Amino acid sequence: MRFGLLTLLLFTFLNNSNAQKIKIWETVHFLALGDSYTIGQSVAANECWPNQFVFALSYQGYNVEETKIIAQTGWRTDNLKLAISQQQSLTGYNLVSLLIGVNNQYQGGSIQDYATEFEELLKAAIALAGNLPEHVFVLSIPDYAYTPFGKGDLNISTQIDQFNAFNRQITENYRVKYIDITPISRNGLIMTDLVASDGLHPSGKMYALWVQEILKSVEKELGINEELSGKDDFRYILSQRQLTIKSPKEAELFIYNPNGKIVHSQFLQTGIESTINLSGLPAGMYFLGFYKQRKVLYRTKIILI
């Protein structure tokens, strides 16, 4: 279905549906779909936002096993669609991102064609994430007018806003989380270190700001119904809100509340008992995760009364 721009903007303001959180579960298999903004044109590989993102997830205790990027400088929506169709096997992903459209705008493509192809790509992303919209997120198109290349051209900004109005409404119609990073990109002329050396693309510092914005919407999906092998080697006793733990190997302990927020973390030494005072936590269910070098060793749950 094709919408007029004014109609779409009206729908955007009237649509009060709650946006989804980005649900993440263990073990993370991440697929990033996009163009130069996803592959990280003109920055080191470890500075592109997908790699900074998975590093941040690992730092927060997630077990990230796979990261795949399908993106190339200059790609439009049709190029990305073709690239996805040519992949021999794209299975097993439980987290998928989509950022595409700047080259549709830059090359003078129609917004209606963009909207149609963007919707097809979003449906493909949802399918690749196991048909779970909450495991998909979309990033808005950055505004390259706020770079030395764009020279503050207001026509560029207006067109970027129009393209983003369409991709945002389509994203929200599918109850997928939409991350608006365009305002961050509009600091490029006053904060020159946010622009890469080519004078056009974001720097690693700007990508880091995008990652911070994405992380605000991340929510751990705690389907911990099974405990990992080796559970008999981990000893813990909960008595009067005092948690005593003995780990068979060096490990990092993270305690999560039901919303996936880390409420306690500490390093455990091999064979040494550690006692943790949980008296300051509200009553309810909590999850214990033991990690070594970002890999999950053991997980379980406890109940505080």
Protein backbone atom coordinates (compact mmCIF):
# COMPACT_ATOMS: atom_id res chain seq x y z
CA MET A 1 0.00 0.00 0.00
CA ARG A 2 1.29 3.47 -0.89
CA PHE A 3 0.64 6.45 1.32
CA GLY A 4 0.84 10.17 0.67
CA LEU A 5 3.36 11.92 2.87
CA LEU A 6 0.79 14.05 4.71
CA THR A 7 -1.37 11.00 5.39
CA LEU A 8 1.63 9.10 6.70
CA LEU A 9 2.64 11.95 9.00
CA LEU A 10 -0.91 12.11 10.34
CA PHE A 11 -0.83 8.38 11.09
CA THR A 12 2.50 8.87 12.85
CA PHE A 13 1.02 11.37 15.30
CA LEU A 14 -2.20 9.42 15.85
CA ASN A 15 -0.57 6.02 16.34
CA ASN A 16 -0.26 5.54 20.10
CA SER A 17 0.82 1.90 20.07
CA ASN A 18 3.69 1.18 22.45
CA ALA A 19 6.98 0.52 20.71
CA GLN A 20 8.59 -2.79 21.42
CA LYS A 21 11.74 -3.21 23.42
CA ILE A 22 14.62 -5.01 21.74
CA LYS A 23 14.48 -8.48 23.29
CA ILE A 24 17.82 -10.28 23.50
CA TRP A 25 18.42 -13.80 24.72
CA GLU A 26 21.44 -16.03 25.09
CA THR A 27 23.36 -16.90 22.97
CA VAL A 28 23.38 -13.84 20.66
CA HIS A 29 23.56 -14.40 16.89
CA PHE A 30 23.45 -10.91 15.39
CA LEU A 31 22.81 -9.97 11.77
CA ALA A 32 23.23 -6.32 10.71
CA LEU A 33 21.72 -5.25 7.38
CA GLY A 34 22.48 -1.92 5.72
CA ASP A 35 24.85 0.26 3.74
CA SER A 36 27.98 2.36 4.42
CA TYR A 37 26.61 3.41 7.81
CA THR A 38 26.46 -0.23 8.89
CA ILE A 39 29.74 -1.44 7.44
CA GLY A 40 31.49 1.65 8.85
CA GLN A 41 32.93 3.42 5.82
CA SER A 42 36.17 5.29 6.68
CA VAL A 43 36.54 3.90 10.22
CA ALA A 44 38.36 0.86 11.59
CA ALA A 45 36.39 -2.39 11.68
CA ASN A 46 36.14 -2.33 15.46
CA GLU A 47 34.65 1.19 15.32
CA CYS A 48 31.61 0.46 13.15
CA TRP A 49 28.46 0.52 15.22
CA PRO A 50 27.56 -3.21 14.91
CA ASN A 51 30.93 -4.24 16.32
CA GLN A 52 30.79 -1.61 19.05
CA PHE A 53 27.28 -2.82 19.86
CA VAL A 54 28.20 -6.48 20.28
CA PHE A 55 31.23 -5.49 22.35
CA ALA A 56 28.90 -3.53 24.65
CA LEU A 57 26.58 -6.54 24.88
CA SER A 58 29.51 -8.78 25.79
CA TYR A 59 30.63 -6.30 28.42
CA GLN A 60 27.13 -6.41 29.93
CA GLY A 61 27.34 -10.17 30.24
CA TYR A 62 25.70 -11.40 27.05
CA ASN A 63 27.24 -14.37 25.27
CA VAL A 64 27.74 -13.10 21.70
CA GLU A 65 28.63 -16.03 19.48
CA GLU A 66 28.14 -14.63 15.98
CA THR A 67 28.06 -11.26 14.23
CA LYS A 68 27.40 -11.02 10.49
CA ILE A 69 27.19 -7.79 8.51
CA ILE A 70 25.54 -7.61 5.09
CA ALA A 71 26.21 -4.05 3.95
CA GLN A 72 28.16 -2.10 1.37
CA THR A 73 28.84 1.53 0.60
CA GLY A 74 26.40 2.89 -1.96
CA TRP A 75 23.68 0.29 -1.48
CA ARG A 76 20.04 1.26 -1.92
CA THR A 77 17.11 -0.83 -0.72
CA ASP A 78 17.07 -2.83 -3.98
CA ASN A 79 20.79 -3.61 -3.67
CA LEU A 80 20.34 -4.88 -0.13
CA LYS A 81 17.34 -7.00 -1.16
CA LEU A 82 19.40 -8.60 -3.93
CA ALA A 83 22.36 -9.24 -1.61
CA ILE A 84 20.13 -10.98 0.93
CA SER A 85 18.55 -13.15 -1.77
CA GLN A 86 21.99 -14.24 -2.95
CA GLN A 87 23.10 -15.49 0.47
CA GLN A 88 23.15 -19.28 0.48
CA SER A 89 22.27 -19.67 4.14
CA LEU A 90 20.93 -17.10 6.57
CA THR A 91 19.59 -19.03 9.53
CA GLY A 92 19.91 -19.12 13.28
CA TYR A 93 19.85 -15.36 13.95
CA ASN A 94 18.01 -14.09 17.01
CA LEU A 95 18.85 -10.40 16.62
CA VAL A 96 18.62 -8.45 13.34
CA SER A 97 19.09 -4.75 12.59
CA LEU A 98 18.15 -2.71 9.53
CA LEU A 99 19.49 0.69 8.43
CA ILE A 100 18.97 1.60 4.79
CA GLY A 101 17.81 4.49 2.62
CA VAL A 102 20.39 7.25 2.40
CA ASN A 103 21.43 6.19 -1.10
CA ASN A 104 17.80 6.06 -2.23
CA GLN A 105 17.58 9.72 -1.21
CA TYR A 106 21.03 10.74 -2.49
CA GLN A 107 20.45 9.15 -5.90
CA GLY A 108 17.05 10.82 -6.29
CA GLY A 109 14.90 7.71 -5.86
CA SER A 110 11.18 8.03 -5.20
CA ILE A 111 9.95 7.87 -1.63
CA GLN A 112 7.10 5.57 -2.68
CA ASP A 113 9.50 3.01 -4.16
CA TYR A 114 11.66 3.30 -1.06
CA ALA A 115 8.68 2.67 1.22
CA THR A 116 7.68 -0.44 -0.73
CA GLU A 117 11.18 -1.92 -0.73
CA PHE A 118 11.85 -0.93 2.88
CA GLU A 119 8.73 -2.79 3.98
CA GLU A 120 9.87 -5.87 2.06
CA LEU A 121 13.26 -5.66 3.76
CA LEU A 122 11.69 -5.26 7.18
CA LYS A 123 9.55 -8.35 6.63
CA ALA A 124 12.68 -10.23 5.55
CA ALA A 125 14.50 -9.06 8.69
CA ILE A 126 11.64 -10.29 10.89
CA ALA A 127 11.68 -13.66 9.11
CA LEU A 128 15.45 -13.92 9.60
CA ALA A 129 14.95 -13.27 13.32
CA GLY A 130 12.68 -16.29 13.66
CA ASN A 131 9.51 -14.29 12.90
CA LEU A 132 9.93 -12.41 16.19
CA PRO A 133 9.51 -8.63 15.65
CA GLU A 134 10.86 -7.96 19.14
CA HIS A 135 14.21 -9.39 18.00
CA VAL A 136 14.53 -6.79 15.24
CA PHE A 137 15.37 -3.09 15.39
CA VAL A 138 15.57 -0.32 12.81
CA LEU A 139 17.84 2.72 12.84
CA SER A 140 16.75 5.96 11.22
CA ILE A 141 18.72 7.42 8.30
CA PRO A 142 21.41 9.83 9.52
CA ASP A 143 21.48 13.37 8.12
CA TYR A 144 24.64 13.88 6.08
CA ALA A 145 23.75 17.55 5.56
CA TYR A 146 25.53 18.09 8.88
CA THR A 147 28.93 17.14 7.48
CA PRO A 148 31.54 19.07 5.48
CA PHE A 149 30.26 17.20 2.41
CA GLY A 150 26.64 18.23 3.04
CA LYS A 151 27.51 21.83 3.92
CA GLY A 152 24.37 22.30 5.98
CA ASP A 153 22.04 21.92 2.96
CA LEU A 154 18.48 22.21 4.31
CA ASN A 155 17.08 20.43 1.25
CA ILE A 156 18.99 17.31 2.25
CA SER A 157 17.63 17.49 5.79
CA THR A 158 14.06 17.92 4.53
CA GLN A 159 14.34 14.89 2.29
CA ILE A 160 15.96 12.77 5.01
CA ASP A 161 13.04 13.67 7.30
CA GLN A 162 10.59 12.57 4.62
CA PHE A 163 12.30 9.22 4.11
CA ASN A 164 12.47 8.69 7.87
CA ALA A 165 8.78 9.48 8.27
CA PHE A 166 8.01 6.54 6.01
CA ASN A 167 10.46 4.05 7.48
CA ARG A 168 9.40 4.94 11.02
CA GLN A 169 5.70 4.42 10.37
CA ILE A 170 6.29 1.14 8.55
CA THR A 171 8.56 -0.05 11.38
CA GLU A 172 6.01 0.79 14.07
CA ASN A 173 3.22 -0.85 12.04
CA TYR A 174 5.14 -4.11 12.39
CA ARG A 175 5.74 -3.46 16.12
CA VAL A 176 9.49 -3.35 15.64
CA LYS A 177 11.65 -1.03 17.73
CA TYR A 178 12.70 2.16 15.93
CA ILE A 179 15.88 3.90 17.07
CA ASP A 180 16.05 7.56 16.03
CA ILE A 181 19.74 8.40 15.69
CA THR A 182 19.17 11.28 13.24
CA PRO A 183 19.34 13.97 15.97
CA ILE A 184 22.78 12.67 16.95
CA SER A 185 23.98 12.95 13.35
CA ARG A 186 22.90 16.60 13.29
CA ASN A 187 25.76 17.51 15.62
CA GLY A 188 28.35 16.81 12.93
CA LEU A 189 29.07 20.42 12.00
CA ILE A 190 29.47 21.72 15.54
CA MET A 191 31.26 18.62 16.88
CA THR A 192 33.73 17.86 14.13
CA ASP A 193 35.10 14.74 15.83
CA LEU A 194 31.75 13.06 15.13
CA VAL A 195 32.59 12.96 11.42
CA ALA A 196 35.11 10.56 9.87
CA SER A 197 38.19 11.72 7.99
CA ASP A 198 36.35 11.52 4.65
CA GLY A 199 34.15 14.46 5.70
CA LEU A 200 30.95 12.51 5.06
CA HIS A 201 30.52 9.41 7.20
CA PRO A 202 30.24 9.12 11.00
CA SER A 203 33.34 8.64 13.10
CA GLY A 204 33.75 5.87 15.64
CA LYS A 205 32.77 8.40 18.30
CA MET A 206 29.42 9.07 16.65
CA TYR A 207 28.82 5.34 16.24
CA ALA A 208 29.46 4.96 19.97
CA LEU A 209 26.67 7.48 20.62
CA TRP A 210 24.36 5.43 18.41
CA VAL A 211 25.19 2.33 20.44
CA GLN A 212 24.34 4.16 23.67
CA GLU A 213 20.97 5.05 22.17
CA ILE A 214 20.33 1.45 21.09
CA LEU A 215 21.24 0.07 24.52
CA LYS A 216 18.49 2.17 26.12
CA SER A 217 15.96 -0.11 24.42
CA VAL A 218 17.65 -3.46 25.05
CA GLU A 219 15.85 -5.87 27.36
CA LYS A 220 17.15 -9.29 28.27
CA GLU A 221 14.71 -12.08 27.45
CA LEU A 222 15.21 -14.31 30.43
CA GLY A 223 13.86 -17.63 29.33
CA ILE A 224 16.09 -19.49 31.76
CA ASN A 225 14.12 -22.69 32.04
CA GLU A 226 17.14 -24.91 31.68
CA GLU A 227 20.37 -24.87 33.58
CA LEU A 228 23.61 -25.41 31.74
CA SER A 229 25.71 -28.52 32.08
CA GLY A 230 28.19 -28.51 34.92
CA LYS A 231 25.67 -27.19 37.44
CA ASP A 232 26.80 -29.64 40.11
CA ASP A 233 30.19 -27.92 40.18
CA PHE A 234 28.66 -24.60 41.25
CA ARG A 235 27.58 -24.31 44.88
CA TYR A 236 25.35 -21.63 46.28
CA ILE A 237 23.25 -21.23 49.42
CA LEU A 238 20.66 -18.52 49.98
CA SER A 239 19.83 -17.92 53.63
CA GLN A 240 18.16 -14.82 55.04
CA ARG A 241 19.13 -12.84 51.95
CA GLN A 242 22.77 -13.82 52.26
CA LEU A 243 23.95 -15.56 49.09
CA THR A 244 27.03 -17.75 49.56
CA ILE A 245 28.68 -18.94 46.35
CA LYS A 246 31.58 -21.26 45.62
CA SER A 247 32.75 -21.44 42.03
CA PRO A 248 34.86 -24.32 40.64
CA LYS A 249 36.76 -21.89 38.40
CA GLU A 250 37.45 -18.22 37.99
CA ALA A 251 34.28 -16.54 36.78
CA GLU A 252 32.33 -13.30 36.69
CA LEU A 253 28.98 -13.34 38.46
CA PHE A 254 26.09 -11.19 37.26
CA ILE A 255 22.76 -11.00 39.08
CA TYR A 256 19.82 -9.77 36.97
CA ASN A 257 16.37 -8.62 38.00
CA PRO A 258 13.31 -9.83 36.00
CA ASN A 259 13.72 -6.90 33.57
CA GLY A 260 17.25 -7.95 32.70
CA LYS A 261 18.97 -5.15 34.63
CA ILE A 262 22.23 -6.08 36.35
CA VAL A 263 21.80 -5.47 40.08
CA HIS A 264 25.11 -6.97 41.20
CA SER A 265 28.34 -8.20 39.64
CA GLN A 266 31.66 -9.43 40.98
CA PHE A 267 34.65 -11.62 40.22
CA LEU A 268 34.77 -15.11 41.75
CA GLN A 269 38.02 -16.90 42.50
CA THR A 270 38.46 -20.65 42.07
CA GLY A 271 37.19 -22.60 45.08
CA ILE A 272 36.82 -19.49 47.29
CA GLU A 273 33.49 -18.89 49.00
CA SER A 274 31.96 -15.45 48.49
CA THR A 275 29.04 -14.07 50.47
CA ILE A 276 26.79 -11.42 48.94
CA ASN A 277 24.32 -9.37 50.94
CA LEU A 278 21.04 -9.07 48.99
CA SER A 279 19.06 -7.33 51.72
CA GLY A 280 18.76 -4.15 49.65
CA LEU A 281 16.89 -5.83 46.79
CA PRO A 282 13.08 -5.99 46.50
CA ALA A 283 11.39 -9.36 46.92
CA GLY A 284 11.00 -11.39 43.75
CA MET A 285 12.79 -13.63 41.28
CA TYR A 286 16.40 -12.99 40.21
CA PHE A 287 18.76 -14.70 37.81
CA LEU A 288 22.38 -15.67 38.40
CA GLY A 289 24.76 -15.85 35.46
CA PHE A 290 28.34 -17.13 35.68
CA TYR A 291 30.63 -16.11 32.81
CA LYS A 292 34.24 -16.64 31.77
CA GLN A 293 35.72 -14.72 28.86
CA ARG A 294 32.20 -13.65 27.85
CA LYS A 295 30.97 -17.27 27.66
CA VAL A 296 28.15 -18.57 29.84
CA LEU A 297 29.28 -21.24 32.31
CA TYR A 298 26.12 -21.63 34.34
CA ARG A 299 22.79 -19.91 34.93
CA THR A 300 20.07 -20.36 37.49
CA LYS A 301 17.41 -18.41 39.35
CA ILE A 302 16.71 -17.54 42.97
CA ILE A 303 13.70 -16.18 44.85
CA LEU A 304 14.00 -13.44 47.46
CA ILE A 305 11.21 -13.23 50.03
